[in-house]
């Protein structure tokens, strides 16, 4: 099985937003564990153990999701998009190429404005390039997005991975309207 891990699943501000409920659940899990250690088990009821288990599982799941990375794997000649945490794949989705064995990279310029930093009136925005990997049909009129990357380094790595392991053909996007 060949696989490639590319970049984080979430941007910095998305991670910051996800960390609030994550720390909430993990904090109450730690408080529950301290209560469990300091008291006799027979003094605690079943609801306590259920809540401790639920809060712990939700907290750990949110922590794993927050720091997960996006990647791809090829297994049994099928291409999958994966989410992984510490080299453990916890989610995979088969990418349906619909018989298309051609892919291309579309380059787009974008900018993002950070609303949470510009409360004082200053326009804090930044420009970046997006590389959109798309499946194409034979005449390049139909396209289906696979993934969008911000890093040129990851873009080159994924291009090589799809050509070698995914057995896909790279072509420059040039639609034929005939």
C-alpha atoms as a PDB file:
ATOM      1  CA  UNK A   1       0.000   0.000   0.000  1.00  0.00           C
ATOM      2  CA  UNK A   2       1.397   3.358  -1.018  1.00  0.00           C
ATOM      3  CA  UNK A   3       0.377   6.510   0.794  1.00  0.00           C
ATOM      4  CA  UNK A   4       1.312  10.162   1.031  1.00  0.00           C
ATOM      5  CA  UNK A   5       0.512  12.546   3.891  1.00  0.00           C
ATOM      6  CA  UNK A   6       0.283  16.135   2.713  1.00  0.00           C
ATOM      7  CA  UNK A   7      -0.843  18.896   5.034  1.00  0.00           C
ATOM      8  CA  UNK A   8      -3.018  19.725   8.016  1.00  0.00           C
ATOM      9  CA  UNK A   9      -6.730  19.179   7.740  1.00  0.00           C
ATOM     10  CA  UNK A  10      -7.532  22.566   9.298  1.00  0.00           C
ATOM     11  CA  UNK A  11      -6.028  26.049   9.178  1.00  0.00           C
ATOM     12  CA  UNK A  12      -4.706  27.740  12.311  1.00  0.00           C
ATOM     13  CA  UNK A  13      -7.875  29.668  13.133  1.00  0.00           C
ATOM     14  CA  UNK A  14     -10.024  26.568  12.580  1.00  0.00           C
ATOM     15  CA  UNK A  15      -7.794  24.652  14.969  1.00  0.00           C
ATOM     16  CA  UNK A  16      -8.113  27.435  17.536  1.00  0.00           C
ATOM     17  CA  UNK A  17     -11.907  27.234  17.295  1.00  0.00           C
ATOM     18  CA  UNK A  18     -11.900  23.431  17.625  1.00  0.00           C
ATOM     19  CA  UNK A  19      -9.574  23.500  20.620  1.00  0.00           C
ATOM     20  CA  UNK A  20     -12.156  25.292  22.801  1.00  0.00           C
ATOM     21  CA  UNK A  21     -14.634  22.367  23.018  1.00  0.00           C
ATOM     22  CA  UNK A  22     -11.720  19.916  22.988  1.00  0.00           C
ATOM     23  CA  UNK A  23     -10.206  21.403  26.135  1.00  0.00           C
ATOM     24  CA  UNK A  24     -13.673  21.617  27.697  1.00  0.00           C
ATOM     25  CA  UNK A  25     -14.259  17.876  27.306  1.00  0.00           C
ATOM     26  CA  UNK A  26     -10.707  16.928  28.263  1.00  0.00           C
ATOM     27  CA  UNK A  27     -10.793  19.172  31.356  1.00  0.00           C
ATOM     28  CA  UNK A  28     -13.972  17.553  32.658  1.00  0.00           C
ATOM     29  CA  UNK A  29     -12.531  14.126  31.859  1.00  0.00           C
ATOM     30  CA  UNK A  30      -9.497  14.954  34.029  1.00  0.00           C
ATOM     31  CA  UNK A  31     -11.761  16.223  36.818  1.00  0.00           C
ATOM     32  CA  UNK A  32     -13.757  12.987  36.573  1.00  0.00           C
ATOM     33  CA  UNK A  33     -10.587  10.890  36.733  1.00  0.00           C
ATOM     34  CA  UNK A  34      -9.406  12.785  39.814  1.00  0.00           C
ATOM     35  CA  UNK A  35     -12.806  12.219  41.432  1.00  0.00           C
ATOM     36  CA  UNK A  36     -12.544   8.529  40.579  1.00  0.00           C
ATOM     37  CA  UNK A  37      -9.083   8.315  42.158  1.00  0.00           C
ATOM     38  CA  UNK A  38     -10.076  10.227  45.315  1.00  0.00           C
ATOM     39  CA  UNK A  39     -13.352   8.375  46.023  1.00  0.00           C
ATOM     40  CA  UNK A  40     -14.333   4.775  46.475  1.00  0.00           C
ATOM     41  CA  UNK A  41     -15.899   3.236  43.414  1.00  0.00           C
ATOM     42  CA  UNK A  42     -18.969   2.082  45.361  1.00  0.00           C
ATOM     43  CA  UNK A  43     -19.734   5.733  46.286  1.00  0.00           C
ATOM     44  CA  UNK A  44     -20.023   6.731  42.591  1.00  0.00           C
ATOM     45  CA  UNK A  45     -23.109   6.015  40.504  1.00  0.00           C
ATOM     46  CA  UNK A  46     -23.418   4.642  36.972  1.00  0.00           C
ATOM     47  CA  UNK A  47     -24.197   8.060  35.458  1.00  0.00           C
ATOM     48  CA  UNK A  48     -20.777   9.272  36.595  1.00  0.00           C
ATOM     49  CA  UNK A  49     -19.005   6.473  34.731  1.00  0.00           C
ATOM     50  CA  UNK A  50     -21.113   7.002  31.609  1.00  0.00           C
ATOM     51  CA  UNK A  51     -20.403  10.747  31.596  1.00  0.00           C
ATOM     52  CA  UNK A  52     -16.693  10.141  32.230  1.00  0.00           C
ATOM     53  CA  UNK A  53     -16.519   7.725  29.305  1.00  0.00           C
ATOM     54  CA  UNK A  54     -18.530   9.972  26.947  1.00  0.00           C
ATOM     55  CA  UNK A  55     -16.569  13.136  27.813  1.00  0.00           C
ATOM     56  CA  UNK A  56     -13.257  11.292  27.431  1.00  0.00           C
ATOM     57  CA  UNK A  57     -14.181   9.829  24.041  1.00  0.00           C
ATOM     58  CA  UNK A  58     -15.488  13.144  22.700  1.00  0.00           C
ATOM     59  CA  UNK A  59     -12.402  15.011  23.947  1.00  0.00           C
ATOM     60  CA  UNK A  60      -9.946  12.516  22.480  1.00  0.00           C
ATOM     61  CA  UNK A  61     -11.874  12.380  19.184  1.00  0.00           C
ATOM     62  CA  UNK A  62     -11.866  16.171  18.867  1.00  0.00           C
ATOM     63  CA  UNK A  63      -8.151  16.299  19.677  1.00  0.00           C
ATOM     64  CA  UNK A  64      -7.360  13.717  16.991  1.00  0.00           C
ATOM     65  CA  UNK A  65      -9.581  15.508  14.457  1.00  0.00           C
ATOM     66  CA  UNK A  66      -8.040  18.907  15.235  1.00  0.00           C
ATOM     67  CA  UNK A  67      -4.488  17.754  14.554  1.00  0.00           C
ATOM     68  CA  UNK A  68      -5.279  15.360  11.700  1.00  0.00           C
ATOM     69  CA  UNK A  69      -3.561  15.517   8.330  1.00  0.00           C
ATOM     70  CA  UNK A  70      -4.928  14.976   4.818  1.00  0.00           C
ATOM     71  CA  UNK A  71      -3.343  12.476   2.492  1.00  0.00           C
ATOM     72  CA  UNK A  72      -3.929   9.872  -0.188  1.00  0.00           C
ATOM     73  CA  UNK A  73      -3.374   6.157  -0.455  1.00  0.00           C
ATOM     74  CA  UNK A  74      -3.577   3.597  -3.212  1.00  0.00           C
ATOM     75  CA  UNK A  75      -4.912   0.200  -2.211  1.00  0.00           C
ATOM     76  CA  UNK A  76      -5.991  -2.508  -4.651  1.00  0.00           C
ATOM     77  CA  UNK A  77      -5.544  -0.079  -7.576  1.00  0.00           C
ATOM     78  CA  UNK A  78      -8.103   2.292  -6.020  1.00  0.00           C
ATOM     79  CA  UNK A  79      -7.343   5.850  -4.893  1.00  0.00           C
ATOM     80  CA  UNK A  80      -8.483   6.923  -1.423  1.00  0.00           C
ATOM     81  CA  UNK A  81      -8.399  10.262   0.368  1.00  0.00           C
ATOM     82  CA  UNK A  82      -7.392   9.705   3.983  1.00  0.00           C
ATOM     83  CA  UNK A  83      -7.298  11.536   7.282  1.00  0.00           C
ATOM     84  CA  UNK A  84      -4.510  10.409   9.568  1.00  0.00           C
ATOM     85  CA  UNK A  85      -3.161  11.196  13.006  1.00  0.00           C
ATOM     86  CA  UNK A  86       0.367  10.108  13.984  1.00  0.00           C
ATOM     87  CA  UNK A  87       0.568   7.807  10.937  1.00  0.00           C
ATOM     88  CA  UNK A  88      -2.712   6.099  11.866  1.00  0.00           C
ATOM     89  CA  UNK A  89      -5.432   6.334   9.200  1.00  0.00           C
ATOM     90  CA  UNK A  90      -8.799   6.815  10.871  1.00  0.00           C
ATOM     91  CA  UNK A  91     -10.869   7.834   7.836  1.00  0.00           C
ATOM     92  CA  UNK A  92     -10.652   6.973   4.164  1.00  0.00           C
ATOM     93  CA  UNK A  93     -12.944   7.828   1.285  1.00  0.00           C
ATOM     94  CA  UNK A  94     -12.697   6.238  -2.125  1.00  0.00           C
ATOM     95  CA  UNK A  95     -12.198   8.768  -4.891  1.00  0.00           C
ATOM     96  CA  UNK A  96     -14.415   7.786  -7.766  1.00  0.00           C
ATOM     97  CA  UNK A  97     -12.588   8.687 -10.956  1.00  0.00           C
ATOM     98  CA  UNK A  98     -15.548   7.517 -13.128  1.00  0.00           C
ATOM     99  CA  UNK A  99     -13.145   5.947 -15.599  1.00  0.00           C
ATOM    100  CA  UNK A 100     -11.144   9.154 -15.925  1.00  0.00           C
ATOM    101  CA  UNK A 101      -7.434   8.473 -15.745  1.00  0.00           C
ATOM    102  CA  UNK A 102      -6.407  12.058 -16.511  1.00  0.00           C
ATOM    103  CA  UNK A 103      -5.737  14.747 -13.934  1.00  0.00           C
ATOM    104  CA  UNK A 104      -4.564  18.325 -14.081  1.00  0.00           C
ATOM    105  CA  UNK A 105      -3.576  21.100 -11.720  1.00  0.00           C
ATOM    106  CA  UNK A 106      -5.437  24.399 -11.892  1.00  0.00           C
ATOM    107  CA  UNK A 107      -3.611  27.338 -10.337  1.00  0.00           C
ATOM    108  CA  UNK A 108      -5.702  30.054  -8.752  1.00  0.00           C
ATOM    109  CA  UNK A 109      -4.806  33.205  -6.881  1.00  0.00           C
ATOM    110  CA  UNK A 110      -6.825  33.876  -3.776  1.00  0.00           C
ATOM    111  CA  UNK A 111      -6.772  36.152  -0.797  1.00  0.00           C
ATOM    112  CA  UNK A 112      -8.140  35.764   2.678  1.00  0.00           C
ATOM    113  CA  UNK A 113      -9.117  38.520   5.005  1.00  0.00           C
ATOM    114  CA  UNK A 114      -8.667  37.900   8.704  1.00  0.00           C
ATOM    115  CA  UNK A 115     -11.766  39.473  10.198  1.00  0.00           C
ATOM    116  CA  UNK A 116     -10.752  38.693  13.754  1.00  0.00           C
ATOM    117  CA  UNK A 117      -7.526  40.724  13.367  1.00  0.00           C
ATOM    118  CA  UNK A 118      -8.993  43.696  11.535  1.00  0.00           C
ATOM    119  CA  UNK A 119     -11.382  44.830  14.281  1.00  0.00           C
ATOM    120  CA  UNK A 120      -9.388  48.055  14.643  1.00  0.00           C
ATOM    121  CA  UNK A 121     -10.077  48.998  11.051  1.00  0.00           C
ATOM    122  CA  UNK A 122      -6.806  47.815   9.518  1.00  0.00           C
ATOM    123  CA  UNK A 123      -7.171  45.552   6.517  1.00  0.00           C
ATOM    124  CA  UNK A 124      -5.171  42.469   7.414  1.00  0.00           C
ATOM    125  CA  UNK A 125      -5.364  40.136   4.444  1.00  0.00           C
ATOM    126  CA  UNK A 126      -2.911  37.983   2.588  1.00  0.00           C
ATOM    127  CA  UNK A 127      -2.613  36.531  -0.888  1.00  0.00           C
ATOM    128  CA  UNK A 128      -1.832  32.913  -1.621  1.00  0.00           C
ATOM    129  CA  UNK A 129      -1.916  30.493  -4.518  1.00  0.00           C
ATOM    130  CA  UNK A 130      -4.178  27.469  -4.591  1.00  0.00           C
ATOM    131  CA  UNK A 131      -3.362  24.383  -6.601  1.00  0.00           C
ATOM    132  CA  UNK A 132      -6.608  22.569  -7.394  1.00  0.00           C
ATOM    133  CA  UNK A 133      -6.147  18.940  -8.470  1.00  0.00           C
ATOM    134  CA  UNK A 134      -8.964  17.874 -10.792  1.00  0.00           C
ATOM    135  CA  UNK A 135      -9.966  14.758 -12.721  1.00  0.00           C
ATOM    136  CA  UNK A 136     -10.657  15.454 -16.391  1.00  0.00           C
ATOM    137  CA  UNK A 137     -12.503  13.600 -19.121  1.00  0.00           C
ATOM    138  CA  UNK A 138     -10.958  13.075 -22.571  1.00  0.00           C
ATOM    139  CA  UNK A 139     -11.871  16.502 -23.972  1.00  0.00           C
ATOM    140  CA  UNK A 140     -11.264  18.330 -20.638  1.00  0.00           C
ATOM    141  CA  UNK A 141     -14.828  19.701 -20.500  1.00  0.00           C
ATOM    142  CA  UNK A 142     -15.854  17.886 -17.315  1.00  0.00           C
ATOM    143  CA  UNK A 143     -13.742  18.279 -14.224  1.00  0.00           C
ATOM    144  CA  UNK A 144     -14.043  16.996 -10.675  1.00  0.00           C
ATOM    145  CA  UNK A 145     -11.947  18.444  -7.870  1.00  0.00           C
ATOM    146  CA  UNK A 146      -9.842  16.018  -5.836  1.00  0.00           C
ATOM    147  CA  UNK A 147      -8.076  18.337  -3.384  1.00  0.00           C
ATOM    148  CA  UNK A 148      -6.942  21.942  -3.075  1.00  0.00           C
ATOM    149  CA  UNK A 149      -3.452  22.607  -1.765  1.00  0.00           C
ATOM    150  CA  UNK A 150      -1.697  25.817  -0.731  1.00  0.00           C
ATOM    151  CA  UNK A 151       1.864  24.505  -0.802  1.00  0.00           C
ATOM    152  CA  UNK A 152       3.877  24.139  -4.010  1.00  0.00           C
ATOM    153  CA  UNK A 153       6.016  21.451  -2.344  1.00  0.00           C
ATOM    154  CA  UNK A 154       2.979  19.317  -1.479  1.00  0.00           C
ATOM    155  CA  UNK A 155       1.604  19.913  -4.951  1.00  0.00           C
ATOM    156  CA  UNK A 156       4.720  18.467  -6.599  1.00  0.00           C
ATOM    157  CA  UNK A 157       4.737  15.492  -4.214  1.00  0.00           C
ATOM    158  CA  UNK A 158       1.085  14.713  -4.937  1.00  0.00           C
ATOM    159  CA  UNK A 159       1.603  15.043  -8.692  1.00  0.00           C
ATOM    160  CA  UNK A 160       4.419  12.467  -8.577  1.00  0.00           C
ATOM    161  CA  UNK A 161       2.393  10.205  -6.287  1.00  0.00           C
ATOM    162  CA  UNK A 162      -0.647  10.226  -8.583  1.00  0.00           C
ATOM    163  CA  UNK A 163       1.472   9.538 -11.655  1.00  0.00           C
ATOM    164  CA  UNK A 164       3.493   6.701 -10.120  1.00  0.00           C
ATOM    165  CA  UNK A 165       1.233   5.030  -7.574  1.00  0.00           C
ATOM    166  CA  UNK A 166      -2.192   6.107  -8.795  1.00  0.00           C
ATOM    167  CA  UNK A 167      -1.432   5.208 -12.425  1.00  0.00           C
ATOM    168  CA  UNK A 168      -2.975   8.501 -13.572  1.00  0.00           C
ATOM    169  CA  UNK A 169      -1.850  10.634 -16.486  1.00  0.00           C
ATOM    170  CA  UNK A 170      -1.060  14.322 -16.014  1.00  0.00           C
ATOM    171  CA  UNK A 171      -2.163  16.701 -18.769  1.00  0.00           C
ATOM    172  CA  UNK A 172      -2.235  20.455 -18.997  1.00  0.00           C
ATOM    173  CA  UNK A 173      -5.804  21.725 -18.845  1.00  0.00           C
ATOM    174  CA  UNK A 174      -6.882  22.706 -22.361  1.00  0.00           C
ATOM    175  CA  UNK A 175     -10.580  22.148 -23.104  1.00  0.00           C
ATOM    176  CA  UNK A 176     -11.515  20.953 -26.591  1.00  0.00           C
ATOM    177  CA  UNK A 177     -14.952  22.349 -27.513  1.00  0.00           C
ATOM    178  CA  UNK A 178     -15.298  20.364 -30.761  1.00  0.00           C
END
